[in-house]
Amino acid sequence: MNQKLVTKKNQKVRRLRESYPEVRCKIFYQRDYLHLLVKYGLEDATEDRELPTPTRLPGPPQVFRIEDSQAG
């Protein structure tokens, strides 16, 4: 995901928490969403393809569909 958009998302959540401290909120990033798709069987995991190296952020690697990458 574009770092500019991630920063914007984090700022919105930070403002929400400052304004409404009683509201609990969890940020889901693209890698989290893709991991949930694989976990619940809505998307196939690609074991044949080499996954990108992990970033400095914790979490599962991104999942890519082989069909999409070969179509281009």
PDB file of N, CA and C in Angstrom:
ATOM      1  N   MET A   1       0.838  -1.175   0.000  1.00  0.00           N
ATOM      2  CA  MET A   1       0.000   0.000   0.000  1.00  0.00           C
ATOM      3  C   MET A   1       0.885   1.240   0.000  1.00  0.00           C
ATOM      4  N   ASN A   2       0.408   2.279  -0.603  1.00  0.00           N
ATOM      5  CA  ASN A   2       1.135   3.530  -0.706  1.00  0.00           C
ATOM      6  C   ASN A   2       1.363   4.114   0.698  1.00  0.00           C
ATOM      7  N   GLN A   3       2.613   4.448   1.020  1.00  0.00           N
ATOM      8  CA  GLN A   3       2.945   4.945   2.355  1.00  0.00           C
ATOM      9  C   GLN A   3       2.188   6.225   2.686  1.00  0.00           C
ATOM     10  N   LYS A   4       1.926   7.058   1.701  1.00  0.00           N
ATOM     11  CA  LYS A   4       1.174   8.296   1.922  1.00  0.00           C
ATOM     12  C   LYS A   4      -0.229   7.984   2.431  1.00  0.00           C
ATOM     13  N   LEU A   5      -0.844   6.952   1.873  1.00  0.00           N
ATOM     14  CA  LEU A   5      -2.190   6.574   2.298  1.00  0.00           C
ATOM     15  C   LEU A   5      -2.185   5.942   3.687  1.00  0.00           C
ATOM     16  N   VAL A   6      -1.149   5.173   3.993  1.00  0.00           N
ATOM     17  CA  VAL A   6      -1.034   4.562   5.319  1.00  0.00           C
ATOM     18  C   VAL A   6      -0.879   5.648   6.376  1.00  0.00           C
ATOM     19  N   THR A   7      -0.046   6.641   6.092  1.00  0.00           N
ATOM     20  CA  THR A   7       0.155   7.748   7.032  1.00  0.00           C
ATOM     21  C   THR A   7      -1.156   8.497   7.257  1.00  0.00           C
ATOM     22  N   LYS A   8      -1.894   8.713   6.193  1.00  0.00           N
ATOM     23  CA  LYS A   8      -3.178   9.412   6.295  1.00  0.00           C
ATOM     24  C   LYS A   8      -4.159   8.610   7.155  1.00  0.00           C
ATOM     25  N   LYS A   9      -4.179   7.289   6.949  1.00  0.00           N
ATOM     26  CA  LYS A   9      -5.052   6.418   7.723  1.00  0.00           C
ATOM     27  C   LYS A   9      -4.674   6.464   9.210  1.00  0.00           C
ATOM     28  N   ASN A  10      -3.375   6.419   9.505  1.00  0.00           N
ATOM     29  CA  ASN A  10      -2.919   6.472  10.896  1.00  0.00           C
ATOM     30  C   ASN A  10      -3.293   7.798  11.552  1.00  0.00           C
ATOM     31  N   GLN A  11      -3.196   8.899  10.810  1.00  0.00           N
ATOM     32  CA  GLN A  11      -3.553  10.204  11.350  1.00  0.00           C
ATOM     33  C   GLN A  11      -5.040  10.267  11.696  1.00  0.00           C
ATOM     34  N   LYS A  12      -5.886   9.705  10.825  1.00  0.00           N
ATOM     35  CA  LYS A  12      -7.325   9.697  11.083  1.00  0.00           C
ATOM     36  C   LYS A  12      -7.647   8.915  12.347  1.00  0.00           C
ATOM     37  N   VAL A  13      -7.003   7.777  12.511  1.00  0.00           N
ATOM     38  CA  VAL A  13      -7.257   6.949  13.695  1.00  0.00           C
ATOM     39  C   VAL A  13      -6.734   7.648  14.944  1.00  0.00           C
ATOM     40  N   ARG A  14      -5.607   8.308  14.839  1.00  0.00           N
ATOM     41  CA  ARG A  14      -5.058   9.038  15.984  1.00  0.00           C
ATOM     42  C   ARG A  14      -6.013  10.145  16.432  1.00  0.00           C
ATOM     43  N   ARG A  15      -6.568  10.898  15.454  1.00  0.00           N
ATOM     44  CA  ARG A  15      -7.546  11.955  15.783  1.00  0.00           C
ATOM     45  C   ARG A  15      -8.807  11.366  16.403  1.00  0.00           C
ATOM     46  N   LEU A  16      -9.254  10.233  15.886  1.00  0.00           N
ATOM     47  CA  LEU A  16     -10.438   9.569  16.438  1.00  0.00           C
ATOM     48  C   LEU A  16     -10.204   9.189  17.896  1.00  0.00           C
ATOM     49  N   ARG A  17      -9.048   8.609  18.185  1.00  0.00           N
ATOM     50  CA  ARG A  17      -8.732   8.186  19.556  1.00  0.00           C
ATOM     51  C   ARG A  17      -8.599   9.376  20.507  1.00  0.00           C
ATOM     52  N   GLU A  18      -8.072  10.493  20.002  1.00  0.00           N
ATOM     53  CA  GLU A  18      -7.957  11.688  20.844  1.00  0.00           C
ATOM     54  C   GLU A  18      -9.329  12.281  21.139  1.00  0.00           C
ATOM     55  N   SER A  19     -10.202  12.306  20.148  1.00  0.00           N
ATOM     56  CA  SER A  19     -11.533  12.896  20.321  1.00  0.00           C
ATOM     57  C   SER A  19     -12.482  12.000  21.110  1.00  0.00           C
ATOM     58  N   TYR A  20     -12.364  10.701  20.890  1.00  0.00           N
ATOM     59  CA  TYR A  20     -13.265   9.728  21.521  1.00  0.00           C
ATOM     60  C   TYR A  20     -12.448   8.596  22.140  1.00  0.00           C
ATOM     61  N   PRO A  21     -11.850   8.834  23.299  1.00  0.00           N
ATOM     62  CA  PRO A  21     -10.972   7.813  23.899  1.00  0.00           C
ATOM     63  C   PRO A  21     -11.706   6.526  24.286  1.00  0.00           C
ATOM     64  N   GLU A  22     -13.024   6.593  24.463  1.00  0.00           N
ATOM     65  CA  GLU A  22     -13.767   5.393  24.846  1.00  0.00           C
ATOM     66  C   GLU A  22     -14.025   4.461  23.658  1.00  0.00           C
ATOM     67  N   VAL A  23     -13.828   4.962  22.441  1.00  0.00           N
ATOM     68  CA  VAL A  23     -14.063   4.152  21.238  1.00  0.00           C
ATOM     69  C   VAL A  23     -12.803   3.326  20.952  1.00  0.00           C
ATOM     70  N   ARG A  24     -13.002   2.009  20.824  1.00  0.00           N
ATOM     71  CA  ARG A  24     -11.886   1.122  20.478  1.00  0.00           C
ATOM     72  C   ARG A  24     -11.890   0.906  18.972  1.00  0.00           C
ATOM     73  N   CYS A  25     -10.727   0.992  18.389  1.00  0.00           N
ATOM     74  CA  CYS A  25     -10.636   0.903  16.937  1.00  0.00           C
ATOM     75  C   CYS A  25      -9.367   0.148  16.569  1.00  0.00           C
ATOM     76  N   LYS A  26      -9.465  -0.685  15.552  1.00  0.00           N
ATOM     77  CA  LYS A  26      -8.336  -1.490  15.081  1.00  0.00           C
ATOM     78  C   LYS A  26      -8.081  -1.143  13.623  1.00  0.00           C
ATOM     79  N   ILE A  27      -6.836  -0.885  13.282  1.00  0.00           N
ATOM     80  CA  ILE A  27      -6.469  -0.572  11.909  1.00  0.00           C
ATOM     81  C   ILE A  27      -6.146  -1.872  11.183  1.00  0.00           C
ATOM     82  N   PHE A  28      -6.754  -2.056  10.016  1.00  0.00           N
ATOM     83  CA  PHE A  28      -6.430  -3.188   9.167  1.00  0.00           C
ATOM     84  C   PHE A  28      -5.734  -2.662   7.927  1.00  0.00           C
ATOM     85  N   TYR A  29      -4.531  -3.155   7.714  1.00  0.00           N
ATOM     86  CA  TYR A  29      -3.779  -2.786   6.528  1.00  0.00           C
ATOM     87  C   TYR A  29      -4.053  -3.808   5.430  1.00  0.00           C
ATOM     88  N   GLN A  30      -3.575  -3.530   4.238  1.00  0.00           N
ATOM     89  CA  GLN A  30      -3.806  -4.418   3.104  1.00  0.00           C
ATOM     90  C   GLN A  30      -3.289  -5.825   3.392  1.00  0.00           C
ATOM     91  N   ARG A  31      -2.115  -5.949   4.006  1.00  0.00           N
ATOM     92  CA  ARG A  31      -1.563  -7.274   4.279  1.00  0.00           C
ATOM     93  C   ARG A  31      -2.440  -8.037   5.257  1.00  0.00           C
ATOM     94  N   ASP A  32      -3.066  -7.322   6.217  1.00  0.00           N
ATOM     95  CA  ASP A  32      -3.976  -7.968   7.162  1.00  0.00           C
ATOM     96  C   ASP A  32      -5.205  -8.498   6.442  1.00  0.00           C
ATOM     97  N   TYR A  33      -5.756  -7.695   5.551  1.00  0.00           N
ATOM     98  CA  TYR A  33      -6.936  -8.083   4.781  1.00  0.00           C
ATOM     99  C   TYR A  33      -6.641  -9.316   3.924  1.00  0.00           C
ATOM    100  N   LEU A  34      -5.508  -9.304   3.237  1.00  0.00           N
ATOM    101  CA  LEU A  34      -5.145 -10.433   2.388  1.00  0.00           C
ATOM    102  C   LEU A  34      -4.910 -11.691   3.212  1.00  0.00           C
ATOM    103  N   HIS A  35      -4.313 -11.523   4.390  1.00  0.00           N
ATOM    104  CA  HIS A  35      -4.089 -12.666   5.271  1.00  0.00           C
ATOM    105  C   HIS A  35      -5.426 -13.271   5.724  1.00  0.00           C
ATOM    106  N   LEU A  36      -6.401 -12.442   6.011  1.00  0.00           N
ATOM    107  CA  LEU A  36      -7.724 -12.943   6.401  1.00  0.00           C
ATOM    108  C   LEU A  36      -8.401 -13.676   5.248  1.00  0.00           C
ATOM    109  N   LEU A  37      -8.227 -13.196   4.022  1.00  0.00           N
ATOM    110  CA  LEU A  37      -8.802 -13.885   2.866  1.00  0.00           C
ATOM    111  C   LEU A  37      -8.260 -15.304   2.754  1.00  0.00           C
ATOM    112  N   VAL A  38      -6.964 -15.454   2.950  1.00  0.00           N
ATOM    113  CA  VAL A  38      -6.348 -16.775   2.877  1.00  0.00           C
ATOM    114  C   VAL A  38      -6.793 -17.631   4.063  1.00  0.00           C
ATOM    115  N   LYS A  39      -6.823 -17.038   5.239  1.00  0.00           N
ATOM    116  CA  LYS A  39      -7.180 -17.783   6.455  1.00  0.00           C
ATOM    117  C   LYS A  39      -8.581 -18.385   6.359  1.00  0.00           C
ATOM    118  N   TYR A  40      -9.519 -17.658   5.796  1.00  0.00           N
ATOM    119  CA  TYR A  40     -10.900 -18.128   5.735  1.00  0.00           C
ATOM    120  C   TYR A  40     -11.264 -18.738   4.382  1.00  0.00           C
ATOM    121  N   GLY A  41     -10.262 -19.029   3.563  1.00  0.00           N
ATOM    122  CA  GLY A  41     -10.476 -19.761   2.328  1.00  0.00           C
ATOM    123  C   GLY A  41     -11.119 -18.982   1.210  1.00  0.00           C
ATOM    124  N   LEU A  42     -11.122 -17.681   1.277  1.00  0.00           N
ATOM    125  CA  LEU A  42     -11.699 -16.862   0.211  1.00  0.00           C
ATOM    126  C   LEU A  42     -10.692 -16.591  -0.902  1.00  0.00           C
ATOM    127  N   GLU A  43      -9.443 -16.874  -0.639  1.00  0.00           N
ATOM    128  CA  GLU A  43      -8.359 -16.663  -1.599  1.00  0.00           C
ATOM    129  C   GLU A  43      -7.355 -17.790  -1.399  1.00  0.00           C
ATOM    130  N   ASP A  44      -6.775 -18.285  -2.489  1.00  0.00           N
ATOM    131  CA  ASP A  44      -5.777 -19.348  -2.387  1.00  0.00           C
ATOM    132  C   ASP A  44      -4.417 -18.757  -2.060  1.00  0.00           C
ATOM    133  N   ALA A  45      -3.685 -19.450  -1.194  1.00  0.00           N
ATOM    134  CA  ALA A  45      -2.312 -19.037  -0.900  1.00  0.00           C
ATOM    135  C   ALA A  45      -1.430 -19.480  -2.051  1.00  0.00           C
ATOM    136  N   THR A  46      -0.478 -18.662  -2.404  1.00  0.00           N
ATOM    137  CA  THR A  46       0.423 -18.994  -3.506  1.00  0.00           C
ATOM    138  C   THR A  46       1.720 -19.527  -2.927  1.00  0.00           C
ATOM    139  N   GLU A  47       1.835 -20.839  -2.883  1.00  0.00           N
ATOM    140  CA  GLU A  47       3.048 -21.448  -2.324  1.00  0.00           C
ATOM    141  C   GLU A  47       4.152 -21.552  -3.368  1.00  0.00           C
ATOM    142  N   ASP A  48       3.794 -21.609  -4.678  1.00  0.00           N
ATOM    143  CA  ASP A  48       4.785 -21.762  -5.735  1.00  0.00           C
ATOM    144  C   ASP A  48       5.625 -20.501  -5.902  1.00  0.00           C
ATOM    145  N   ARG A  49       5.017 -19.383  -5.686  1.00  0.00           N
ATOM    146  CA  ARG A  49       5.652 -18.106  -5.958  1.00  0.00           C
ATOM    147  C   ARG A  49       6.416 -17.627  -4.731  1.00  0.00           C
ATOM    148  N   GLU A  50       7.554 -17.028  -4.984  1.00  0.00           N
ATOM    149  CA  GLU A  50       8.345 -16.496  -3.879  1.00  0.00           C
ATOM    150  C   GLU A  50       7.727 -15.198  -3.392  1.00  0.00           C
ATOM    151  N   LEU A  51       7.515 -15.101  -2.103  1.00  0.00           N
ATOM    152  CA  LEU A  51       6.903 -13.910  -1.515  1.00  0.00           C
ATOM    153  C   LEU A  51       7.952 -12.830  -1.313  1.00  0.00           C
ATOM    154  N   PRO A  52       7.533 -11.561  -1.304  1.00  0.00           N
ATOM    155  CA  PRO A  52       8.497 -10.476  -1.092  1.00  0.00           C
ATOM    156  C   PRO A  52       9.119 -10.560   0.297  1.00  0.00           C
ATOM    157  N   THR A  53      10.308 -10.006   0.425  1.00  0.00           N
ATOM    158  CA  THR A  53      10.976 -10.017   1.715  1.00  0.00           C
ATOM    159  C   THR A  53      10.186  -9.180   2.708  1.00  0.00           C
ATOM    160  N   PRO A  54      10.190  -9.575   3.975  1.00  0.00           N
ATOM    161  CA  PRO A  54       9.419  -8.839   4.980  1.00  0.00           C
ATOM    162  C   PRO A  54       9.919  -7.411   5.137  1.00  0.00           C
ATOM    163  N   THR A  55       8.988  -6.518   5.445  1.00  0.00           N
ATOM    164  CA  THR A  55       9.340  -5.130   5.702  1.00  0.00           C
ATOM    165  C   THR A  55       9.668  -4.976   7.185  1.00  0.00           C
ATOM    166  N   ARG A  56       9.922  -3.782   7.609  1.00  0.00           N
ATOM    167  CA  ARG A  56      10.212  -3.564   9.019  1.00  0.00           C
ATOM    168  C   ARG A  56       8.956  -3.656   9.877  1.00  0.00           C
ATOM    169  N   LEU A  57       7.786  -3.658   9.237  1.00  0.00           N
ATOM    170  CA  LEU A  57       6.532  -3.771   9.964  1.00  0.00           C
ATOM    171  C   LEU A  57       6.192  -5.234  10.184  1.00  0.00           C
ATOM    172  N   PRO A  58       5.735  -5.613  11.377  1.00  0.00           N
ATOM    173  CA  PRO A  58       5.382  -7.007  11.615  1.00  0.00           C
ATOM    174  C   PRO A  58       4.108  -7.378  10.872  1.00  0.00           C
ATOM    175  N   GLY A  59       3.933  -8.640  10.621  1.00  0.00           N
ATOM    176  CA  GLY A  59       2.719  -9.116   9.976  1.00  0.00           C
ATOM    177  C   GLY A  59       3.034 -10.084   8.864  1.00  0.00           C
ATOM    178  N   PRO A  60       2.010 -10.752   8.385  1.00  0.00           N
ATOM    179  CA  PRO A  60       2.220 -11.738   7.321  1.00  0.00           C
ATOM    180  C   PRO A  60       2.575 -11.046   6.001  1.00  0.00           C
ATOM    181  N   PRO A  61       3.270 -11.760   5.112  1.00  0.00           N
ATOM    182  CA  PRO A  61       3.593 -11.156   3.820  1.00  0.00           C
ATOM    183  C   PRO A  61       2.362 -10.991   2.961  1.00  0.00           C
ATOM    184  N   GLN A  62       2.463 -10.146   1.950  1.00  0.00           N
ATOM    185  CA  GLN A  62       1.345  -9.930   1.039  1.00  0.00           C
ATOM    186  C   GLN A  62       1.127 -11.178   0.195  1.00  0.00           C
ATOM    187  N   VAL A  63      -0.110 -11.408  -0.180  1.00  0.00           N
ATOM    188  CA  VAL A  63      -0.472 -12.549  -1.011  1.00  0.00           C
ATOM    189  C   VAL A  63      -0.823 -12.037  -2.398  1.00  0.00           C
ATOM    190  N   PHE A  64      -0.241 -12.650  -3.415  1.00  0.00           N
ATOM    191  CA  PHE A  64      -0.486 -12.249  -4.785  1.00  0.00           C
ATOM    192  C   PHE A  64      -1.117 -13.404  -5.544  1.00  0.00           C
ATOM    193  N   ARG A  65      -2.008 -13.080  -6.457  1.00  0.00           N
ATOM    194  CA  ARG A  65      -2.601 -14.100  -7.326  1.00  0.00           C
ATOM    195  C   ARG A  65      -1.704 -14.275  -8.538  1.00  0.00           C
ATOM    196  N   ILE A  66      -1.373 -15.510  -8.868  1.00  0.00           N
ATOM    197  CA  ILE A  66      -0.507 -15.786 -10.004  1.00  0.00           C
ATOM    198  C   ILE A  66      -1.182 -15.369 -11.307  1.00  0.00           C
ATOM    199  N   GLU A  67      -2.486 -15.576 -11.426  1.00  0.00           N
ATOM    200  CA  GLU A  67      -3.210 -15.228 -12.644  1.00  0.00           C
ATOM    201  C   GLU A  67      -3.091 -13.744 -12.963  1.00  0.00           C
ATOM    202  N   ASP A  68      -3.168 -12.898 -11.950  1.00  0.00           N
ATOM    203  CA  ASP A  68      -3.079 -11.448 -12.156  1.00  0.00           C
ATOM    204  C   ASP A  68      -1.695 -11.010 -12.628  1.00  0.00           C
ATOM    205  N   SER A  69      -0.647 -11.630 -12.112  1.00  0.00           N
ATOM    206  CA  SER A  69       0.689 -11.213 -12.465  1.00  0.00           C
ATOM    207  C   SER A  69       1.089 -11.683 -13.857  1.00  0.00           C
ATOM    208  N   GLN A  70       0.501 -12.753 -14.364  1.00  0.00           N
ATOM    209  CA  GLN A  70       0.839 -13.261 -15.682  1.00  0.00           C
ATOM    210  C   GLN A  70      -0.004 -12.618 -16.779  1.00  0.00           C
ATOM    211  N   ALA A  71      -1.098 -11.950 -16.415  1.00  0.00           N
ATOM    212  CA  ALA A  71      -1.991 -11.359 -17.405  1.00  0.00           C
ATOM    213  C   ALA A  71      -1.380 -10.132 -18.089  1.00  0.00           C
ATOM    214  N   GLY A  72      -0.454  -9.430 -17.389  1.00  0.00           N
ATOM    215  CA  GLY A  72       0.079  -8.168 -17.871  1.00  0.00           C
ATOM    216  C   GLY A  72       1.023  -8.314 -18.972  1.00  0.00           C
TER     217      GLY A  72
END
